[in-house]
Amino acid sequence: MPKQGQAHFDDMHMITDALSTQKLLASNYNTSAGECSNTGMMNDLIGIATDNHKMQFGLFKSMETRGWYETQPAEQQMVTEAKEKYQNFRG
């Protein structure tokens, strides 16, 4: 039980906060890796970013399972179009 004047986070708010934090960290790791002048450091940051993305996905799935993060399934045509669009950027 929180003391007077203290905030109380329930499970949903704690996981939402953790997911928001992971999103911010992912953005920062991605930017840092992309702007690294040292290959070893870049590879380390990419590894950390990959772990971060896995944690973020786990939090997302936990929220989705509990009904706290709703998504709509995409139609297969939309998925195909998105894949084709972004494959062109890969060169």
C-alpha atoms as a PDB file:
ATOM      1  CA  MET A   1       0.000   0.000   0.000  1.00  0.00           C
ATOM      2  CA  PRO A   2       1.534   3.352  -0.987  1.00  0.00           C
ATOM      3  CA  LYS A   3       2.068   5.985   1.662  1.00  0.00           C
ATOM      4  CA  GLN A   4       0.242   9.274   1.392  1.00  0.00           C
ATOM      5  CA  GLY A   5       1.815  11.454  -1.292  1.00  0.00           C
ATOM      6  CA  GLN A   6       3.343   8.487  -3.155  1.00  0.00           C
ATOM      7  CA  ALA A   7       2.191   7.450  -6.596  1.00  0.00           C
ATOM      8  CA  HIS A   8       0.735   3.984  -6.972  1.00  0.00           C
ATOM      9  CA  PHE A   9       1.289   2.125 -10.219  1.00  0.00           C
ATOM     10  CA  ASP A  10      -0.783  -0.920 -10.969  1.00  0.00           C
ATOM     11  CA  ASP A  11       0.537  -3.667 -13.270  1.00  0.00           C
ATOM     12  CA  MET A  12      -0.797  -2.012 -16.404  1.00  0.00           C
ATOM     13  CA  HIS A  13       0.882   1.302 -15.637  1.00  0.00           C
ATOM     14  CA  MET A  14       4.179  -0.354 -14.716  1.00  0.00           C
ATOM     15  CA  ILE A  15       4.304  -2.371 -17.937  1.00  0.00           C
ATOM     16  CA  THR A  16       3.230   0.661 -19.989  1.00  0.00           C
ATOM     17  CA  ASP A  17       6.023   2.681 -18.396  1.00  0.00           C
ATOM     18  CA  ALA A  18       8.540  -0.097 -19.036  1.00  0.00           C
ATOM     19  CA  LEU A  19       7.446  -0.364 -22.686  1.00  0.00           C
ATOM     20  CA  SER A  20       7.786   3.400 -23.162  1.00  0.00           C
ATOM     21  CA  THR A  21      11.260   3.268 -21.634  1.00  0.00           C
ATOM     22  CA  GLN A  22      12.290   0.397 -23.924  1.00  0.00           C
ATOM     23  CA  LYS A  23      11.045   2.337 -26.966  1.00  0.00           C
ATOM     24  CA  LEU A  24      13.159   5.340 -25.977  1.00  0.00           C
ATOM     25  CA  LEU A  25      16.206   3.161 -25.329  1.00  0.00           C
ATOM     26  CA  ALA A  26      15.762   1.381 -28.679  1.00  0.00           C
ATOM     27  CA  SER A  27      15.730   4.715 -30.473  1.00  0.00           C
ATOM     28  CA  ASN A  28      18.860   5.874 -28.665  1.00  0.00           C
ATOM     29  CA  TYR A  29      20.760   2.602 -29.261  1.00  0.00           C
ATOM     30  CA  ASN A  30      19.809   2.633 -32.947  1.00  0.00           C
ATOM     31  CA  THR A  31      20.971   6.232 -33.371  1.00  0.00           C
ATOM     32  CA  SER A  32      24.193   5.607 -31.455  1.00  0.00           C
ATOM     33  CA  ALA A  33      25.023   2.477 -33.456  1.00  0.00           C
ATOM     34  CA  GLY A  34      24.394   4.295 -36.722  1.00  0.00           C
ATOM     35  CA  GLU A  35      26.680   7.167 -35.764  1.00  0.00           C
ATOM     36  CA  CYS A  36      29.535   5.087 -34.343  1.00  0.00           C
ATOM     37  CA  SER A  37      33.009   5.558 -35.819  1.00  0.00           C
ATOM     38  CA  ASN A  38      34.325   2.357 -34.221  1.00  0.00           C
ATOM     39  CA  THR A  39      33.154  -0.960 -35.697  1.00  0.00           C
ATOM     40  CA  GLY A  40      33.553  -2.881 -32.434  1.00  0.00           C
ATOM     41  CA  MET A  41      31.519  -0.328 -30.514  1.00  0.00           C
ATOM     42  CA  MET A  42      28.896  -0.290 -33.273  1.00  0.00           C
ATOM     43  CA  ASN A  43      28.573  -4.093 -33.098  1.00  0.00           C
ATOM     44  CA  ASP A  44      28.247  -3.945 -29.309  1.00  0.00           C
ATOM     45  CA  LEU A  45      25.504  -1.330 -29.579  1.00  0.00           C
ATOM     46  CA  ILE A  46      23.694  -3.373 -32.216  1.00  0.00           C
ATOM     47  CA  GLY A  47      23.805  -6.374 -29.852  1.00  0.00           C
ATOM     48  CA  ILE A  48      22.437  -4.298 -26.990  1.00  0.00           C
ATOM     49  CA  ALA A  49      19.760  -2.852 -29.287  1.00  0.00           C
ATOM     50  CA  THR A  50      18.747  -6.361 -30.371  1.00  0.00           C
ATOM     51  CA  ASP A  51      18.356  -7.417 -26.726  1.00  0.00           C
ATOM     52  CA  ASN A  52      16.369  -4.244 -26.111  1.00  0.00           C
ATOM     53  CA  HIS A  53      14.036  -4.985 -29.029  1.00  0.00           C
ATOM     54  CA  LYS A  54      13.435  -8.484 -27.648  1.00  0.00           C
ATOM     55  CA  MET A  55      12.552  -7.042 -24.237  1.00  0.00           C
ATOM     56  CA  GLN A  56      10.286  -4.485 -25.889  1.00  0.00           C
ATOM     57  CA  PHE A  57       8.525  -7.227 -27.829  1.00  0.00           C
ATOM     58  CA  GLY A  58       8.070  -9.274 -24.647  1.00  0.00           C
ATOM     59  CA  LEU A  59       6.477  -6.308 -22.882  1.00  0.00           C
ATOM     60  CA  PHE A  60       4.259  -5.655 -25.894  1.00  0.00           C
ATOM     61  CA  LYS A  61       3.121  -9.306 -26.011  1.00  0.00           C
ATOM     62  CA  SER A  62       2.444  -9.241 -22.261  1.00  0.00           C
ATOM     63  CA  MET A  63       0.265  -6.168 -22.661  1.00  0.00           C
ATOM     64  CA  GLU A  64      -1.471  -7.562 -25.739  1.00  0.00           C
ATOM     65  CA  THR A  65      -2.242 -10.838 -23.941  1.00  0.00           C
ATOM     66  CA  ARG A  66      -3.857  -8.919 -21.083  1.00  0.00           C
ATOM     67  CA  GLY A  67      -5.894  -6.776 -23.487  1.00  0.00           C
ATOM     68  CA  TRP A  68      -3.950  -3.610 -22.593  1.00  0.00           C
ATOM     69  CA  TYR A  69      -2.498  -3.071 -26.080  1.00  0.00           C
ATOM     70  CA  GLU A  70      -4.901  -3.792 -28.880  1.00  0.00           C
ATOM     71  CA  THR A  71      -3.801  -4.232 -32.468  1.00  0.00           C
ATOM     72  CA  GLN A  72      -5.750  -4.872 -35.618  1.00  0.00           C
ATOM     73  CA  PRO A  73      -4.618  -7.667 -37.916  1.00  0.00           C
ATOM     74  CA  ALA A  74      -3.428  -6.419 -41.294  1.00  0.00           C
ATOM     75  CA  GLU A  75      -4.878  -7.821 -44.469  1.00  0.00           C
ATOM     76  CA  GLN A  76      -2.382  -9.949 -46.403  1.00  0.00           C
ATOM     77  CA  GLN A  77      -2.457  -7.498 -49.330  1.00  0.00           C
ATOM     78  CA  MET A  78      -1.362  -4.675 -47.017  1.00  0.00           C
ATOM     79  CA  VAL A  79       1.494  -6.798 -45.650  1.00  0.00           C
ATOM     80  CA  THR A  80       2.652  -7.677 -49.162  1.00  0.00           C
ATOM     81  CA  GLU A  81       2.534  -4.036 -50.260  1.00  0.00           C
ATOM     82  CA  ALA A  82       4.530  -2.897 -47.217  1.00  0.00           C
ATOM     83  CA  LYS A  83       7.191  -5.573 -47.808  1.00  0.00           C
ATOM     84  CA  GLU A  84       7.530  -4.570 -51.458  1.00  0.00           C
ATOM     85  CA  LYS A  85       7.720  -0.888 -50.580  1.00  0.00           C
ATOM     86  CA  TYR A  86      10.507  -1.315 -48.039  1.00  0.00           C
ATOM     87  CA  GLN A  87      12.471  -3.910 -50.002  1.00  0.00           C
ATOM     88  CA  ASN A  88      13.154  -1.136 -52.513  1.00  0.00           C
ATOM     89  CA  PHE A  89      14.998   0.811 -49.796  1.00  0.00           C
ATOM     90  CA  ARG A  90      17.435  -2.025 -49.138  1.00  0.00           C
ATOM     91  CA  GLY A  91      19.185  -1.490 -52.447  1.00  0.00           C
END
